[in-house]
N, C-alpha and C. Protein backbone atom coordinates (compact mmCIF):
# COMPACT_ATOMS: atom_id res chain seq x y z
N TYR A 1 -25.91 -18.59 53.64
CA TYR A 1 -25.86 -19.82 53.23
C TYR A 1 -26.97 -20.52 52.82
N THR A 2 -26.99 -21.14 51.55
CA THR A 2 -27.87 -22.08 51.26
C THR A 2 -28.08 -23.41 52.08
N PRO A 3 -29.19 -23.85 52.75
CA PRO A 3 -29.47 -25.03 53.33
C PRO A 3 -29.16 -26.43 52.47
N THR A 4 -28.17 -27.48 53.20
CA THR A 4 -28.46 -28.76 52.09
C THR A 4 -29.23 -29.44 52.87
N ASN A 5 -29.99 -30.08 52.23
CA ASN A 5 -30.91 -31.27 52.85
C ASN A 5 -31.69 -30.50 54.10
N GLY A 6 -32.06 -29.40 54.38
CA GLY A 6 -32.21 -28.48 55.38
C GLY A 6 -31.79 -27.99 56.52
N LYS A 7 -30.35 -28.74 56.12
CA LYS A 7 -29.38 -28.06 57.58
C LYS A 7 -28.58 -26.83 56.89
N PHE A 8 -27.86 -26.58 58.12
CA PHE A 8 -26.96 -25.35 58.16
C PHE A 8 -25.79 -25.71 57.24
N SER A 9 -25.23 -25.05 56.21
CA SER A 9 -24.04 -25.42 55.65
C SER A 9 -23.05 -24.52 55.11
N GLY A 10 -23.00 -23.70 56.04
CA GLY A 10 -21.56 -22.92 56.38
C GLY A 10 -20.60 -23.32 57.30
N GLN A 11 -20.41 -24.23 57.45
CA GLN A 11 -19.26 -24.85 58.56
C GLN A 11 -18.09 -24.88 58.02
N GLN A 12 -17.87 -23.82 56.85
CA GLN A 12 -16.56 -24.04 56.17
C GLN A 12 -16.35 -22.20 55.90
N SER A 13 -17.66 -21.49 56.32
CA SER A 13 -17.57 -20.09 56.15
C SER A 13 -16.15 -19.74 57.36
N TYR A 14 -16.09 -18.26 56.73
CA TYR A 14 -15.18 -17.39 57.31
C TYR A 14 -15.24 -17.22 58.60
N GLY A 15 -16.67 -16.80 58.74
CA GLY A 15 -16.59 -16.52 60.39
C GLY A 15 -16.71 -17.85 61.20
N VAL A 16 -17.18 -18.96 61.07
CA VAL A 16 -17.53 -20.29 61.71
C VAL A 16 -15.83 -20.65 61.77
N ARG A 17 -15.17 -20.41 60.71
CA ARG A 17 -13.89 -20.93 60.97
C ARG A 17 -13.13 -20.18 61.98
N SER A 18 -13.26 -18.52 61.49
CA SER A 18 -13.02 -17.69 62.96
C SER A 18 -13.14 -18.26 64.13
N PHE A 19 -14.28 -18.05 64.66
CA PHE A 19 -14.68 -18.46 65.66
C PHE A 19 -13.94 -19.73 66.17
N GLU A 20 -14.19 -20.74 65.26
CA GLU A 20 -13.69 -22.22 65.93
C GLU A 20 -12.19 -21.82 66.29
N ASN A 21 -11.29 -21.53 65.32
CA ASN A 21 -9.72 -20.95 65.55
C ASN A 21 -9.76 -20.57 67.16
N PHE A 22 -10.73 -19.65 67.31
CA PHE A 22 -10.78 -18.87 68.56
C PHE A 22 -10.90 -19.89 69.67
N MET A 23 -12.00 -20.33 69.83
CA MET A 23 -12.63 -21.32 70.49
C MET A 23 -11.10 -22.39 71.13
N ASP A 24 -10.49 -22.78 69.86
CA ASP A 24 -9.04 -23.97 70.13
C ASP A 24 -8.16 -23.08 70.88
N ALA A 25 -8.05 -21.72 70.45
CA ALA A 25 -7.05 -21.03 71.44
C ALA A 25 -7.01 -21.02 72.62
N CYS A 26 -8.31 -20.66 72.63
CA CYS A 26 -8.95 -20.53 74.40
C CYS A 26 -8.74 -22.28 75.13
N THR A 27 -8.60 -22.95 74.21
CA THR A 27 -8.68 -23.74 75.05
C THR A 27 -7.25 -24.54 74.98
N GLU A 28 -6.45 -24.08 74.23
CA GLU A 28 -5.43 -23.85 74.47
C GLU A 28 -4.72 -23.69 75.70
N VAL A 29 -5.27 -22.45 75.95
CA VAL A 29 -4.35 -21.44 76.75
C VAL A 29 -4.72 -22.40 78.55
N ASN A 30 -6.22 -21.84 78.34
CA ASN A 30 -6.96 -22.34 79.70
C ASN A 30 -6.24 -24.00 80.34
N ALA A 31 -5.66 -24.65 79.16
CA ALA A 31 -5.15 -25.62 79.62
C ALA A 31 -3.71 -25.64 79.78
N GLY A 32 -3.19 -24.57 79.70
CA GLY A 32 -1.85 -24.37 80.26
C GLY A 32 -0.92 -25.07 78.92
N ARG A 33 -1.42 -25.27 77.99
CA ARG A 33 -0.49 -25.66 76.45
C ARG A 33 0.39 -24.60 75.64
N LYS A 34 -0.61 -23.63 75.78
CA LYS A 34 0.10 -22.10 74.82
C LYS A 34 0.01 -20.72 75.78
N ALA A 35 0.31 -20.37 75.41
CA ALA A 35 0.60 -18.59 76.17
C ALA A 35 -0.74 -17.79 75.05
N VAL A 36 -1.08 -16.57 76.04
CA VAL A 36 -1.69 -15.62 74.70
C VAL A 36 -0.89 -14.97 73.87
N GLY A 37 0.17 -14.50 74.37
CA GLY A 37 0.99 -14.12 73.82
C GLY A 37 1.35 -15.04 72.31
N GLU A 38 1.20 -15.83 72.53
CA GLU A 38 1.58 -17.05 71.43
C GLU A 38 0.94 -16.91 69.98
N TYR A 39 -0.35 -15.74 70.09
CA TYR A 39 -1.70 -15.89 69.09
C TYR A 39 -1.47 -14.37 68.50
N ASN A 40 0.09 -13.74 69.19
CA ASN A 40 0.23 -12.77 68.46
C ASN A 40 0.53 -12.50 67.51
N ASP A 41 0.47 -13.60 66.55
CA ASP A 41 1.42 -13.93 64.89
C ASP A 41 0.19 -13.59 64.26
N GLY A 42 -0.95 -13.10 64.12
CA GLY A 42 -2.35 -12.99 62.83
C GLY A 42 -2.73 -14.18 63.35
N SER A 43 -2.59 -15.76 63.70
CA SER A 43 -3.62 -16.91 63.54
C SER A 43 -4.34 -16.89 63.91
N ILE A 44 -5.15 -15.94 64.85
CA ILE A 44 -6.29 -15.47 65.52
C ILE A 44 -6.72 -14.17 65.45
N ALA A 45 -7.69 -13.50 65.50
CA ALA A 45 -7.64 -12.22 65.57
C ALA A 45 -7.48 -11.68 67.24
N SER A 46 -6.63 -10.65 68.10
CA SER A 46 -6.33 -10.43 69.22
C SER A 46 -6.05 -9.15 69.14
N VAL A 47 -6.12 -8.49 70.78
CA VAL A 47 -5.77 -7.28 70.66
C VAL A 47 -4.81 -6.29 69.89
N ASP A 48 -3.77 -7.53 70.22
CA ASP A 48 -2.23 -7.25 69.24
C ASP A 48 -2.26 -6.82 67.81
N THR A 49 -3.10 -7.88 67.38
CA THR A 49 -3.46 -8.26 65.63
C THR A 49 -4.12 -6.98 65.54
N THR A 50 -5.49 -6.36 66.38
CA THR A 50 -6.54 -5.69 65.67
C THR A 50 -6.33 -4.09 66.05
N LEU A 51 -5.27 -3.90 66.87
CA LEU A 51 -5.34 -2.50 67.44
C LEU A 51 -5.17 -1.65 66.36
N LYS A 52 -4.48 -1.12 65.53
CA LYS A 52 -4.60 -0.04 64.18
C LYS A 52 -5.76 -0.62 63.36
N GLY A 53 -5.76 -1.33 63.31
CA GLY A 53 -7.10 -1.17 62.47
C GLY A 53 -8.28 -0.74 63.08
N THR A 54 -8.57 -1.27 64.36
CA THR A 54 -9.93 -0.54 65.11
C THR A 54 -9.45 1.03 65.83
N ALA A 55 -8.06 1.35 65.71
CA ALA A 55 -8.13 2.66 65.78
C ALA A 55 -8.69 3.62 64.50
N ILE A 56 -8.37 2.83 63.19
CA ILE A 56 -8.74 3.71 62.00
C ILE A 56 -10.10 3.53 61.82
N LEU A 57 -10.91 2.44 62.16
CA LEU A 57 -12.07 2.49 62.19
C LEU A 57 -13.13 3.50 63.49
N GLU A 58 -12.23 3.52 64.26
CA GLU A 58 -12.52 4.82 65.61
C GLU A 58 -12.48 6.03 64.98
N ALA A 59 -11.31 6.43 64.48
CA ALA A 59 -11.17 7.73 64.46
C ALA A 59 -12.26 7.87 63.18
N GLY A 60 -12.49 7.02 62.60
CA GLY A 60 -13.55 7.23 61.12
C GLY A 60 -15.25 7.95 61.69
N ARG A 61 -15.43 6.64 62.90
CA ARG A 61 -16.44 7.09 63.62
C ARG A 61 -16.72 8.30 64.24
N ARG A 62 -15.59 9.06 64.81
CA ARG A 62 -15.65 10.12 65.42
C ARG A 62 -15.79 10.74 64.39
N SER A 63 -15.33 11.12 63.32
CA SER A 63 -15.17 12.04 62.13
C SER A 63 -16.25 12.13 62.18
N LEU A 64 -16.99 11.21 61.36
CA LEU A 64 -18.14 11.18 61.12
C LEU A 64 -19.48 11.77 62.25
N ASP A 65 -19.52 11.34 63.21
CA ASP A 65 -20.22 11.80 64.60
C ASP A 65 -19.48 13.50 64.74
N ALA A 66 -18.61 13.92 64.08
CA ALA A 66 -17.93 15.28 63.88
C ALA A 66 -18.28 16.15 62.93
N ASP A 67 -19.10 15.57 62.08
CA ASP A 67 -19.63 16.39 61.05
C ASP A 67 -18.57 16.52 60.00
N GLY A 68 -17.78 15.37 59.89
CA GLY A 68 -16.05 15.20 58.91
C GLY A 68 -14.89 15.58 59.38
N GLN A 69 -15.39 16.56 61.09
CA GLN A 69 -13.94 16.67 61.68
C GLN A 69 -12.59 15.56 61.05
N PRO A 70 -11.38 16.23 60.19
CA PRO A 70 -10.44 15.08 60.28
C PRO A 70 -9.69 14.59 62.14
N MET A 71 -9.56 13.93 62.26
CA MET A 71 -8.86 13.19 63.42
C MET A 71 -7.52 12.77 62.98
N ASP A 72 -6.90 12.61 64.14
CA ASP A 72 -5.67 12.34 64.10
C ASP A 72 -5.70 11.02 64.99
N ILE A 73 -4.77 10.05 64.74
CA ILE A 73 -4.57 8.56 65.73
C ILE A 73 -3.45 9.00 66.30
N VAL A 74 -3.04 9.01 67.82
CA VAL A 74 -1.66 9.46 68.71
C VAL A 74 -1.12 8.06 68.55
N TYR A 75 0.00 8.07 68.47
CA TYR A 75 0.56 6.74 68.41
C TYR A 75 1.91 7.22 69.46
N GLY A 76 2.16 6.23 70.35
CA GLY A 76 3.49 5.72 71.34
C GLY A 76 4.51 5.34 70.86
N GLU A 77 5.86 5.96 71.85
CA GLU A 77 6.83 5.39 70.92
C GLU A 77 7.12 3.91 70.50
N ASP A 78 6.25 3.38 71.28
CA ASP A 78 5.93 1.50 70.75
C ASP A 78 5.42 1.58 69.29
N GLY A 79 4.97 2.75 68.62
CA GLY A 79 4.07 2.53 66.91
C GLY A 79 2.75 2.11 67.35
N GLU A 80 2.14 1.73 68.59
CA GLU A 80 0.93 1.43 68.54
C GLU A 80 -0.05 2.73 68.93
N PRO A 81 -1.36 2.79 68.40
CA PRO A 81 -2.21 3.92 68.75
C PRO A 81 -2.80 3.79 70.43
N THR A 82 -2.79 5.10 70.73
CA THR A 82 -2.66 5.45 72.46
C THR A 82 -3.98 6.32 72.39
N GLY A 83 -4.28 6.72 71.33
CA GLY A 83 -5.62 8.19 71.48
C GLY A 83 -6.11 8.53 69.99
N ILE A 84 -7.59 9.31 69.69
CA ILE A 84 -7.63 9.75 69.07
C ILE A 84 -7.88 11.22 68.99
N GLU A 85 -7.59 12.19 68.34
CA GLU A 85 -7.54 13.76 68.60
C GLU A 85 -8.45 14.40 67.70
N PRO A 86 -9.18 15.42 67.71
CA PRO A 86 -9.40 16.10 66.65
C PRO A 86 -8.08 17.12 65.36
N HIS A 87 -7.71 16.97 64.64
CA HIS A 87 -6.79 17.55 63.91
C HIS A 87 -6.96 18.83 63.92
N VAL A 88 -5.79 19.42 64.48
CA VAL A 88 -5.81 20.93 64.43
C VAL A 88 -4.72 21.59 62.76
N PHE A 89 -5.70 22.36 62.44
CA PHE A 89 -4.97 23.08 60.89
C PHE A 89 -4.22 24.24 61.62
């Protein structure tokens, strides 16, 4: 970001706002005003809201590490990823 009058001017950027929202959520949870599960609605990044995307990225990384070996994401009965395995043809 281009500084404004020599000062940081990215306060409204995505990363800064996301971090601010996360810190606000931590404050609410620590104060007992909200429960962690109340943030699984997508309002902030949480384990529940990012698990599937993370599994896709990890499967891609493992595929690259294995010279392009296709990977299968294994899902549990609840539809959540539980593991990653090399694809068997």
